[in-house]
């Protein structure tokens, strides 16, 4: 017979996976809005303001840019 653990265990951490999913974004070159948001993202990550960091990354991902070459 086995001896099941009857107390909580520490959470399983997946280093880098969740962080990459939440905070990775690709700003468009030459866009001032994207540049400002990336700066805001880095400041929030430095200050460990995870909610603000996520919001800045989401704004970079969702920021609209005109499609070039399509008319």
PDB file of N, CA and C in Angstrom:
ATOM      1  N   UNK A   1       0.835  -1.174   0.000  1.00  0.00           N
ATOM      2  CA  UNK A   1       0.000   0.000   0.000  1.00  0.00           C
ATOM      3  C   UNK A   1       0.890   1.250   0.000  1.00  0.00           C
ATOM      4  N   UNK A   2       0.430   2.297  -0.659  1.00  0.00           N
ATOM      5  CA  UNK A   2       1.218   3.530  -0.727  1.00  0.00           C
ATOM      6  C   UNK A   2       0.827   4.468   0.402  1.00  0.00           C
ATOM      7  N   UNK A   3       1.677   5.417   0.649  1.00  0.00           N
ATOM      8  CA  UNK A   3       1.409   6.442   1.667  1.00  0.00           C
ATOM      9  C   UNK A   3       1.135   7.762   0.965  1.00  0.00           C
ATOM     10  N   UNK A   4      -0.127   8.102   0.693  1.00  0.00           N
ATOM     11  CA  UNK A   4      -0.415   9.356   0.004  1.00  0.00           C
ATOM     12  C   UNK A   4      -0.070  10.561   0.876  1.00  0.00           C
ATOM     13  N   UNK A   5       0.354  11.620   0.209  1.00  0.00           N
ATOM     14  CA  UNK A   5       0.669  12.860   0.917  1.00  0.00           C
ATOM     15  C   UNK A   5      -0.648  13.531   1.294  1.00  0.00           C
ATOM     16  N   UNK A   6      -0.775  13.917   2.544  1.00  0.00           N
ATOM     17  CA  UNK A   6      -2.029  14.492   3.038  1.00  0.00           C
ATOM     18  C   UNK A   6      -1.881  15.956   3.428  1.00  0.00           C
ATOM     19  N   UNK A   7      -0.911  16.622   2.849  1.00  0.00           N
ATOM     20  CA  UNK A   7      -0.726  18.041   3.109  1.00  0.00           C
ATOM     21  C   UNK A   7      -0.375  18.732   1.796  1.00  0.00           C
ATOM     22  N   UNK A   8      -0.602  20.040   1.697  1.00  0.00           N
ATOM     23  CA  UNK A   8      -0.350  20.740   0.433  1.00  0.00           C
ATOM     24  C   UNK A   8       1.135  20.749   0.069  1.00  0.00           C
ATOM     25  N   UNK A   9       1.376  20.675  -1.217  1.00  0.00           N
ATOM     26  CA  UNK A   9       2.725  20.744  -1.751  1.00  0.00           C
ATOM     27  C   UNK A   9       2.954  22.142  -2.331  1.00  0.00           C
ATOM     28  N   UNK A  10       4.206  22.558  -2.451  1.00  0.00           N
ATOM     29  CA  UNK A  10       4.455  23.848  -3.113  1.00  0.00           C
ATOM     30  C   UNK A  10       4.004  23.781  -4.574  1.00  0.00           C
ATOM     31  N   UNK A  11       3.647  24.914  -5.154  1.00  0.00           N
ATOM     32  CA  UNK A  11       3.172  24.896  -6.544  1.00  0.00           C
ATOM     33  C   UNK A  11       4.280  24.487  -7.509  1.00  0.00           C
ATOM     34  N   UNK A  12       3.883  23.880  -8.587  1.00  0.00           N
ATOM     35  CA  UNK A  12       4.819  23.514  -9.641  1.00  0.00           C
ATOM     36  C   UNK A  12       5.081  24.772 -10.465  1.00  0.00           C
ATOM     37  N   UNK A  13       6.333  25.106 -10.661  1.00  0.00           N
ATOM     38  CA  UNK A  13       6.678  26.293 -11.432  1.00  0.00           C
ATOM     39  C   UNK A  13       7.278  25.877 -12.761  1.00  0.00           C
ATOM     40  N   UNK A  14       6.811  26.509 -13.818  1.00  0.00           N
ATOM     41  CA  UNK A  14       7.326  26.258 -15.155  1.00  0.00           C
ATOM     42  C   UNK A  14       8.125  27.489 -15.578  1.00  0.00           C
ATOM     43  N   UNK A  15       9.423  27.502 -15.281  1.00  0.00           N
ATOM     44  CA  UNK A  15      10.207  28.698 -15.520  1.00  0.00           C
ATOM     45  C   UNK A  15      10.205  29.120 -16.981  1.00  0.00           C
ATOM     46  N   UNK A  16       9.824  30.349 -17.196  1.00  0.00           N
ATOM     47  CA  UNK A  16       9.877  30.933 -18.520  1.00  0.00           C
ATOM     48  C   UNK A  16       8.652  30.693 -19.380  1.00  0.00           C
ATOM     49  N   UNK A  17       7.932  29.603 -19.187  1.00  0.00           N
ATOM     50  CA  UNK A  17       6.811  29.277 -20.057  1.00  0.00           C
ATOM     51  C   UNK A  17       5.660  30.247 -19.863  1.00  0.00           C
ATOM     52  N   UNK A  18       5.212  30.393 -18.646  1.00  0.00           N
ATOM     53  CA  UNK A  18       4.083  31.280 -18.369  1.00  0.00           C
ATOM     54  C   UNK A  18       4.490  32.729 -18.606  1.00  0.00           C
ATOM     55  N   UNK A  19       5.682  33.086 -18.181  1.00  0.00           N
ATOM     56  CA  UNK A  19       6.152  34.455 -18.365  1.00  0.00           C
ATOM     57  C   UNK A  19       6.214  34.817 -19.848  1.00  0.00           C
ATOM     58  N   UNK A  20       6.707  33.922 -20.667  1.00  0.00           N
ATOM     59  CA  UNK A  20       6.771  34.179 -22.108  1.00  0.00           C
ATOM     60  C   UNK A  20       5.379  34.321 -22.688  1.00  0.00           C
ATOM     61  N   UNK A  21       4.454  33.484 -22.238  1.00  0.00           N
ATOM     62  CA  UNK A  21       3.074  33.542 -22.737  1.00  0.00           C
ATOM     63  C   UNK A  21       2.418  34.877 -22.395  1.00  0.00           C
ATOM     64  N   UNK A  22       2.681  35.392 -21.207  1.00  0.00           N
ATOM     65  CA  UNK A  22       2.019  36.619 -20.763  1.00  0.00           C
ATOM     66  C   UNK A  22       2.699  37.894 -21.241  1.00  0.00           C
ATOM     67  N   UNK A  23       4.015  37.919 -21.283  1.00  0.00           N
ATOM     68  CA  UNK A  23       4.725  39.179 -21.458  1.00  0.00           C
ATOM     69  C   UNK A  23       5.464  39.341 -22.777  1.00  0.00           C
ATOM     70  N   UNK A  24       5.551  38.318 -23.617  1.00  0.00           N
ATOM     71  CA  UNK A  24       6.241  38.476 -24.898  1.00  0.00           C
ATOM     72  C   UNK A  24       5.365  39.245 -25.880  1.00  0.00           C
ATOM     73  N   UNK A  25       5.984  40.140 -26.606  1.00  0.00           N
ATOM     74  CA  UNK A  25       5.281  40.910 -27.624  1.00  0.00           C
ATOM     75  C   UNK A  25       6.321  41.417 -28.615  1.00  0.00           C
ATOM     76  N   UNK A  26       5.876  41.747 -29.809  1.00  0.00           N
ATOM     77  CA  UNK A  26       6.782  42.218 -30.856  1.00  0.00           C
ATOM     78  C   UNK A  26       6.340  43.612 -31.295  1.00  0.00           C
ATOM     79  N   UNK A  27       7.018  44.651 -30.815  1.00  0.00           N
ATOM     80  CA  UNK A  27       6.657  45.999 -31.232  1.00  0.00           C
ATOM     81  C   UNK A  27       7.039  46.251 -32.690  1.00  0.00           C
ATOM     82  N   UNK A  28       6.292  47.100 -33.355  1.00  0.00           N
ATOM     83  CA  UNK A  28       6.580  47.455 -34.742  1.00  0.00           C
ATOM     84  C   UNK A  28       7.679  48.515 -34.771  1.00  0.00           C
ATOM     85  N   UNK A  29       8.670  48.311 -35.627  1.00  0.00           N
ATOM     86  CA  UNK A  29       9.778  49.268 -35.746  1.00  0.00           C
ATOM     87  C   UNK A  29       9.252  50.631 -36.179  1.00  0.00           C
ATOM     88  N   UNK A  30       9.734  51.665 -35.534  1.00  0.00           N
ATOM     89  CA  UNK A  30       9.384  53.027 -35.901  1.00  0.00           C
ATOM     90  C   UNK A  30       8.070  53.515 -35.320  1.00  0.00           C
ATOM     91  N   UNK A  31       7.395  52.710 -34.523  1.00  0.00           N
ATOM     92  CA  UNK A  31       6.120  53.124 -33.929  1.00  0.00           C
ATOM     93  C   UNK A  31       6.389  53.696 -32.541  1.00  0.00           C
ATOM     94  N   UNK A  32       6.062  54.955 -32.352  1.00  0.00           N
ATOM     95  CA  UNK A  32       6.277  55.615 -31.065  1.00  0.00           C
ATOM     96  C   UNK A  32       5.412  55.045 -29.958  1.00  0.00           C
ATOM     97  N   UNK A  33       4.190  54.652 -30.296  1.00  0.00           N
ATOM     98  CA  UNK A  33       3.286  54.074 -29.295  1.00  0.00           C
ATOM     99  C   UNK A  33       3.849  52.744 -28.798  1.00  0.00           C
ATOM    100  N   UNK A  34       4.283  51.897 -29.722  1.00  0.00           N
ATOM    101  CA  UNK A  34       4.866  50.608 -29.344  1.00  0.00           C
ATOM    102  C   UNK A  34       6.119  50.803 -28.492  1.00  0.00           C
ATOM    103  N   UNK A  35       6.955  51.764 -28.858  1.00  0.00           N
ATOM    104  CA  UNK A  35       8.180  52.026 -28.102  1.00  0.00           C
ATOM    105  C   UNK A  35       7.853  52.466 -26.678  1.00  0.00           C
ATOM    106  N   UNK A  36       6.859  53.335 -26.525  1.00  0.00           N
ATOM    107  CA  UNK A  36       6.454  53.795 -25.192  1.00  0.00           C
ATOM    108  C   UNK A  36       5.878  52.639 -24.372  1.00  0.00           C
ATOM    109  N   UNK A  37       5.106  51.771 -25.018  1.00  0.00           N
ATOM    110  CA  UNK A  37       4.519  50.639 -24.306  1.00  0.00           C
ATOM    111  C   UNK A  37       5.587  49.628 -23.882  1.00  0.00           C
ATOM    112  N   UNK A  38       6.597  49.411 -24.720  1.00  0.00           N
ATOM    113  CA  UNK A  38       7.684  48.499 -24.351  1.00  0.00           C
ATOM    114  C   UNK A  38       8.459  49.071 -23.163  1.00  0.00           C
ATOM    115  N   UNK A  39       8.668  50.368 -23.142  1.00  0.00           N
ATOM    116  CA  UNK A  39       9.336  51.002 -21.999  1.00  0.00           C
ATOM    117  C   UNK A  39       8.497  50.817 -20.736  1.00  0.00           C
ATOM    118  N   UNK A  40       7.185  51.018 -20.870  1.00  0.00           N
ATOM    119  CA  UNK A  40       6.270  50.827 -19.742  1.00  0.00           C
ATOM    120  C   UNK A  40       6.304  49.368 -19.267  1.00  0.00           C
ATOM    121  N   UNK A  41       6.358  48.438 -20.204  1.00  0.00           N
ATOM    122  CA  UNK A  41       6.429  47.012 -19.879  1.00  0.00           C
ATOM    123  C   UNK A  41       7.690  46.701 -19.077  1.00  0.00           C
ATOM    124  N   UNK A  42       8.829  47.185 -19.537  1.00  0.00           N
ATOM    125  CA  UNK A  42      10.094  46.920 -18.835  1.00  0.00           C
ATOM    126  C   UNK A  42      10.105  47.536 -17.446  1.00  0.00           C
ATOM    127  N   UNK A  43       9.573  48.751 -17.307  1.00  0.00           N
ATOM    128  CA  UNK A  43       9.505  49.393 -15.991  1.00  0.00           C
ATOM    129  C   UNK A  43       8.611  48.596 -15.040  1.00  0.00           C
ATOM    130  N   UNK A  44       7.489  48.115 -15.542  1.00  0.00           N
ATOM    131  CA  UNK A  44       6.570  47.339 -14.712  1.00  0.00           C
ATOM    132  C   UNK A  44       7.202  46.008 -14.293  1.00  0.00           C
ATOM    133  N   UNK A  45       7.915  45.366 -15.216  1.00  0.00           N
ATOM    134  CA  UNK A  45       8.576  44.105 -14.871  1.00  0.00           C
ATOM    135  C   UNK A  45       9.671  44.333 -13.843  1.00  0.00           C
ATOM    136  N   UNK A  46      10.405  45.427 -13.971  1.00  0.00           N
ATOM    137  CA  UNK A  46      11.454  45.740 -13.011  1.00  0.00           C
ATOM    138  C   UNK A  46      10.870  45.969 -11.619  1.00  0.00           C
ATOM    139  N   UNK A  47       9.715  46.658 -11.573  1.00  0.00           N
ATOM    140  CA  UNK A  47       9.053  46.949 -10.309  1.00  0.00           C
ATOM    141  C   UNK A  47       8.173  45.789  -9.823  1.00  0.00           C
ATOM    142  N   UNK A  48       8.155  44.690 -10.578  1.00  0.00           N
ATOM    143  CA  UNK A  48       7.336  43.522 -10.276  1.00  0.00           C
ATOM    144  C   UNK A  48       5.852  43.864 -10.206  1.00  0.00           C
ATOM    145  N   UNK A  49       5.449  44.777 -11.075  1.00  0.00           N
ATOM    146  CA  UNK A  49       4.044  45.125 -11.237  1.00  0.00           C
ATOM    147  C   UNK A  49       3.475  44.264 -12.351  1.00  0.00           C
ATOM    148  N   UNK A  50       3.151  43.005 -12.039  1.00  0.00           N
ATOM    149  CA  UNK A  50       2.806  42.020 -13.056  1.00  0.00           C
ATOM    150  C   UNK A  50       1.540  42.379 -13.818  1.00  0.00           C
ATOM    151  N   UNK A  51       0.577  42.959 -13.154  1.00  0.00           N
ATOM    152  CA  UNK A  51      -0.664  43.334 -13.838  1.00  0.00           C
ATOM    153  C   UNK A  51      -0.391  44.423 -14.876  1.00  0.00           C
ATOM    154  N   UNK A  52       0.362  45.432 -14.496  1.00  0.00           N
ATOM    155  CA  UNK A  52       0.703  46.516 -15.418  1.00  0.00           C
ATOM    156  C   UNK A  52       1.570  45.998 -16.568  1.00  0.00           C
ATOM    157  N   UNK A  53       2.466  45.061 -16.272  1.00  0.00           N
ATOM    158  CA  UNK A  53       3.321  44.488 -17.314  1.00  0.00           C
ATOM    159  C   UNK A  53       2.475  43.719 -18.322  1.00  0.00           C
ATOM    160  N   UNK A  54       1.527  42.934 -17.836  1.00  0.00           N
ATOM    161  CA  UNK A  54       0.656  42.185 -18.746  1.00  0.00           C
ATOM    162  C   UNK A  54      -0.161  43.130 -19.620  1.00  0.00           C
ATOM    163  N   UNK A  55      -0.707  44.180 -19.011  1.00  0.00           N
ATOM    164  CA  UNK A  55      -1.521  45.130 -19.772  1.00  0.00           C
ATOM    165  C   UNK A  55      -0.705  45.823 -20.860  1.00  0.00           C
ATOM    166  N   UNK A  56       0.533  46.205 -20.549  1.00  0.00           N
ATOM    167  CA  UNK A  56       1.384  46.848 -21.549  1.00  0.00           C
ATOM    168  C   UNK A  56       1.716  45.877 -22.689  1.00  0.00           C
ATOM    169  N   UNK A  57       2.023  44.628 -22.352  1.00  0.00           N
ATOM    170  CA  UNK A  57       2.333  43.631 -23.391  1.00  0.00           C
ATOM    171  C   UNK A  57       1.117  43.368 -24.264  1.00  0.00           C
ATOM    172  N   UNK A  58      -0.058  43.297 -23.652  1.00  0.00           N
ATOM    173  CA  UNK A  58      -1.288  43.067 -24.418  1.00  0.00           C
ATOM    174  C   UNK A  58      -1.569  44.240 -25.352  1.00  0.00           C
ATOM    175  N   UNK A  59      -1.310  45.459 -24.885  1.00  0.00           N
ATOM    176  CA  UNK A  59      -1.514  46.631 -25.742  1.00  0.00           C
ATOM    177  C   UNK A  59      -0.562  46.615 -26.933  1.00  0.00           C
ATOM    178  N   UNK A  60       0.683  46.202 -26.733  1.00  0.00           N
ATOM    179  CA  UNK A  60       1.632  46.109 -27.852  1.00  0.00           C
ATOM    180  C   UNK A  60       1.133  45.076 -28.855  1.00  0.00           C
ATOM    181  N   UNK A  61       0.696  43.922 -28.354  1.00  0.00           N
ATOM    182  CA  UNK A  61       0.199  42.874 -29.263  1.00  0.00           C
ATOM    183  C   UNK A  61      -1.036  43.321 -30.028  1.00  0.00           C
ATOM    184  N   UNK A  62      -1.893  44.111 -29.408  1.00  0.00           N
ATOM    185  CA  UNK A  62      -3.168  44.502 -30.020  1.00  0.00           C
ATOM    186  C   UNK A  62      -3.137  45.859 -30.712  1.00  0.00           C
ATOM    187  N   UNK A  63      -1.996  46.556 -30.677  1.00  0.00           N
ATOM    188  CA  UNK A  63      -1.916  47.890 -31.262  1.00  0.00           C
ATOM    189  C   UNK A  63      -2.051  47.800 -32.782  1.00  0.00           C
ATOM    190  N   UNK A  64      -3.019  48.514 -33.356  1.00  0.00           N
ATOM    191  CA  UNK A  64      -3.226  48.412 -34.807  1.00  0.00           C
ATOM    192  C   UNK A  64      -2.165  49.176 -35.595  1.00  0.00           C
ATOM    193  N   UNK A  65      -1.771  48.606 -36.704  1.00  0.00           N
ATOM    194  CA  UNK A  65      -0.852  49.254 -37.628  1.00  0.00           C
ATOM    195  C   UNK A  65      -1.428  49.089 -39.031  1.00  0.00           C
ATOM    196  N   UNK A  66      -1.256  50.101 -39.836  1.00  0.00           N
ATOM    197  CA  UNK A  66      -1.739  50.035 -41.218  1.00  0.00           C
ATOM    198  C   UNK A  66      -0.914  48.993 -41.975  1.00  0.00           C
ATOM    199  N   UNK A  67      -1.567  48.192 -42.751  1.00  0.00           N
ATOM    200  CA  UNK A  67      -0.876  47.186 -43.568  1.00  0.00           C
ATOM    201  C   UNK A  67      -0.267  47.883 -44.769  1.00  0.00           C
ATOM    202  N   UNK A  68       1.025  47.718 -44.970  1.00  0.00           N
ATOM    203  CA  UNK A  68       1.716  48.357 -46.090  1.00  0.00           C
ATOM    204  C   UNK A  68       1.643  47.481 -47.311  1.00  0.00           C
ATOM    205  N   UNK A  69       1.499  48.106 -48.466  1.00  0.00           N
ATOM    206  CA  UNK A  69       1.541  47.382 -49.720  1.00  0.00           C
ATOM    207  C   UNK A  69       0.215  46.758 -50.131  1.00  0.00           C
ATOM    208  N   UNK A  70      -0.801  46.924 -49.336  1.00  0.00           N
ATOM    209  CA  UNK A  70      -2.107  46.361 -49.681  1.00  0.00           C
ATOM    210  C   UNK A  70      -3.077  47.493 -49.956  1.00  0.00           C
ATOM    211  N   UNK A  71      -3.582  47.551 -51.166  1.00  0.00           N
ATOM    212  CA  UNK A  71      -4.523  48.606 -51.526  1.00  0.00           C
ATOM    213  C   UNK A  71      -5.737  48.039 -52.161  1.00  0.00           C
TER     214      UNK A  71
END
